[in-house]
Amino acid sequence: MTGGEVAGILVAVFWAILVSFLAVVLVRLAQTLRATTKLVADVTEQAVPLLADASATVRSAQTQLDRVDAIASDVQEVTSNASALSTTVASTFGGPLVKVAAFGYGVRRALGRGREAEDAPRAAVRRTVIVGRTVPSSRRRKQKG
């Protein structure tokens, strides 16, 4: 065997090892591609129904928001009506009620003064002037005698 033949055999052996290594790599790559394809198919299978459910949920939420908007506008209308009614009632009954209460207070006060006049003569009311304002003196208590 000559040196050229030995070199040819060595190149053939290294070539066979390289081809075997490349074949193993290609087989593993094919397995990985198959697994990836299966995974993508499974994800697509599950994602489509999930997207449909999400779309239905969003539509339902929009419907509920429309209902809440209608309720809020109705509540606003009721609030404005209640405010108008309150104003009307206050202007209609408020003035006369205040007048009746003032009349009742005046009658009680007048009757109370009549009793005081019988019990003792009324003292003169003293007032004190402070910085341009008139301040009534403190009330005097009735003395039992």
Protein backbone atom coordinates (compact mmCIF):
# COMPACT_ATOMS: atom_id res chain seq x y z
CA MET A 1 0.00 0.00 0.00
CA THR A 2 1.32 3.26 -0.99
CA GLY A 3 1.02 6.53 0.90
CA GLY A 4 -1.63 7.79 -1.51
CA GLU A 5 -3.84 4.76 -0.87
CA VAL A 6 -3.55 5.21 2.93
CA ALA A 7 -4.41 8.88 2.56
CA GLY A 8 -7.44 7.97 0.41
CA ILE A 9 -8.66 5.48 3.03
CA LEU A 10 -8.26 8.07 5.82
CA VAL A 11 -10.19 10.67 3.81
CA ALA A 12 -12.96 8.10 3.11
CA VAL A 13 -13.23 7.23 6.85
CA PHE A 14 -13.39 10.91 7.89
CA TRP A 15 -15.92 11.52 5.12
CA ALA A 16 -18.09 8.63 6.39
CA ILE A 17 -17.91 10.02 9.99
CA LEU A 18 -18.88 13.50 8.78
CA VAL A 19 -21.84 12.17 6.75
CA SER A 20 -23.00 10.09 9.75
CA PHE A 21 -22.79 13.14 12.03
CA LEU A 22 -24.74 15.25 9.53
CA ALA A 23 -27.38 12.51 9.19
CA VAL A 24 -27.89 12.45 13.00
CA VAL A 25 -28.21 16.24 13.07
CA LEU A 26 -30.75 16.19 10.22
CA VAL A 27 -32.81 13.46 11.95
CA ARG A 28 -32.91 15.49 15.20
CA LEU A 29 -33.82 18.64 13.25
CA ALA A 30 -36.69 16.75 11.55
CA GLN A 31 -37.99 15.56 14.95
CA THR A 32 -37.84 19.11 16.30
CA LEU A 33 -39.73 20.46 13.27
CA ARG A 34 -42.44 17.79 13.67
CA ALA A 35 -42.85 18.62 17.39
CA THR A 36 -43.01 22.35 16.58
CA THR A 37 -45.62 21.76 13.89
CA LYS A 38 -47.74 19.71 16.30
CA LEU A 39 -47.40 22.38 19.01
CA VAL A 40 -48.46 25.16 16.62
CA ALA A 41 -51.46 23.09 15.50
CA ASP A 42 -52.51 22.49 19.14
CA VAL A 43 -52.13 26.16 20.02
CA THR A 44 -54.18 27.15 16.98
CA GLU A 45 -56.84 24.60 17.93
CA GLN A 46 -57.14 26.09 21.43
CA ALA A 47 -56.65 29.74 20.50
CA VAL A 48 -59.51 29.98 18.02
CA PRO A 49 -62.22 29.07 20.59
CA LEU A 50 -60.57 31.33 23.16
CA LEU A 51 -60.64 34.24 20.74
CA ALA A 52 -64.29 33.54 19.97
CA ASP A 53 -65.10 33.51 23.71
CA ALA A 54 -63.17 36.73 24.24
CA SER A 55 -65.06 38.36 21.41
CA ALA A 56 -68.39 37.25 22.88
CA THR A 57 -67.33 38.57 26.30
CA VAL A 58 -66.41 41.94 24.86
CA ARG A 59 -69.78 42.15 23.08
CA SER A 60 -71.57 41.26 26.34
CA ALA A 61 -69.57 43.87 28.24
CA GLN A 62 -70.52 46.48 25.63
CA THR A 63 -74.19 45.57 26.04
CA GLN A 64 -73.90 45.89 29.83
CA LEU A 65 -72.16 49.25 29.48
CA ASP A 66 -74.98 50.47 27.24
CA ARG A 67 -77.48 49.41 29.91
CA VAL A 68 -75.51 51.14 32.66
CA ASP A 69 -75.33 54.27 30.53
CA ALA A 70 -79.11 54.22 30.10
CA ILE A 71 -79.59 53.73 33.85
CA ALA A 72 -77.19 56.58 34.63
CA SER A 73 -79.04 58.94 32.31
CA ASP A 74 -82.36 57.92 33.92
CA VAL A 75 -80.91 58.54 37.39
CA GLN A 76 -79.68 61.95 36.26
CA GLU A 77 -83.16 62.80 34.96
CA VAL A 78 -84.77 61.63 38.22
CA THR A 79 -82.28 63.71 40.20
CA SER A 80 -83.06 66.84 38.23
CA ASN A 81 -86.81 66.18 38.61
CA ALA A 82 -86.39 65.68 42.37
CA SER A 83 -84.42 68.92 42.59
CA ALA A 84 -87.11 70.80 40.70
CA LEU A 85 -89.81 69.25 42.91
CA SER A 86 -87.86 70.16 46.04
CA THR A 87 -87.51 73.75 44.85
CA THR A 88 -91.21 73.92 44.03
CA VAL A 89 -92.26 72.49 47.39
CA ALA A 90 -89.90 74.82 49.24
CA SER A 91 -91.19 77.89 47.42
CA THR A 92 -94.84 76.80 47.74
CA PHE A 93 -94.92 75.66 51.36
CA GLY A 94 -91.75 77.21 52.76
CA GLY A 95 -92.93 80.80 52.91
CA PRO A 96 -96.29 80.07 54.57
CA LEU A 97 -94.70 77.62 57.03
CA VAL A 98 -92.13 80.20 58.06
CA LYS A 99 -94.89 82.76 58.52
CA VAL A 100 -96.95 80.35 60.65
CA ALA A 101 -93.90 79.50 62.76
CA ALA A 102 -93.08 83.20 63.21
CA PHE A 103 -96.71 83.90 64.16
CA GLY A 104 -96.65 81.08 66.73
CA TYR A 105 -93.38 82.38 68.14
CA GLY A 106 -94.81 85.89 68.36
CA VAL A 107 -97.94 84.66 70.14
CA ARG A 108 -95.86 82.67 72.65
CA ARG A 109 -93.60 85.63 73.21
CA ALA A 110 -96.54 88.00 73.67
CA LEU A 111 -98.20 85.66 76.14
CA GLY A 112 -94.91 85.29 77.99
CA ARG A 113 -94.46 89.06 78.23
CA GLY A 114 -97.94 89.43 79.63
CA ARG A 115 -97.04 87.11 82.46
CA GLU A 116 -93.75 88.91 83.08
CA ALA A 117 -95.57 92.27 83.29
CA GLU A 118 -97.83 90.87 85.97
CA ASP A 119 -94.91 89.43 87.97
CA ALA A 120 -92.51 92.39 87.95
CA PRO A 121 -92.01 95.62 86.05
CA ARG A 122 -89.81 95.19 83.06
CA ALA A 123 -86.29 96.57 83.36
CA ALA A 124 -84.98 98.89 80.68
CA VAL A 125 -82.90 97.15 78.03
CA ARG A 126 -79.32 98.31 78.03
CA ARG A 127 -77.21 98.08 74.92
CA THR A 128 -73.50 98.41 74.48
CA VAL A 129 -71.90 99.89 71.36
CA ILE A 130 -68.71 98.18 70.19
CA VAL A 131 -66.89 99.41 67.06
CA GLY A 132 -70.02 100.71 65.41
CA ARG A 133 -72.25 97.71 66.29
CA THR A 134 -75.00 97.51 68.84
CA VAL A 135 -74.87 94.41 71.04
CA PRO A 136 -77.85 93.60 73.32
CA SER A 137 -77.09 93.06 76.99
CA SER A 138 -77.23 89.54 78.35
CA ARG A 139 -80.66 88.18 79.24
CA ARG A 140 -81.71 88.49 82.81
CA ARG A 141 -83.14 85.52 84.60
CA LYS A 142 -86.54 85.74 86.23
CA GLN A 143 -86.30 86.04 89.96
CA LYS A 144 -88.85 84.12 91.95
CA GLY A 145 -90.10 86.12 94.84
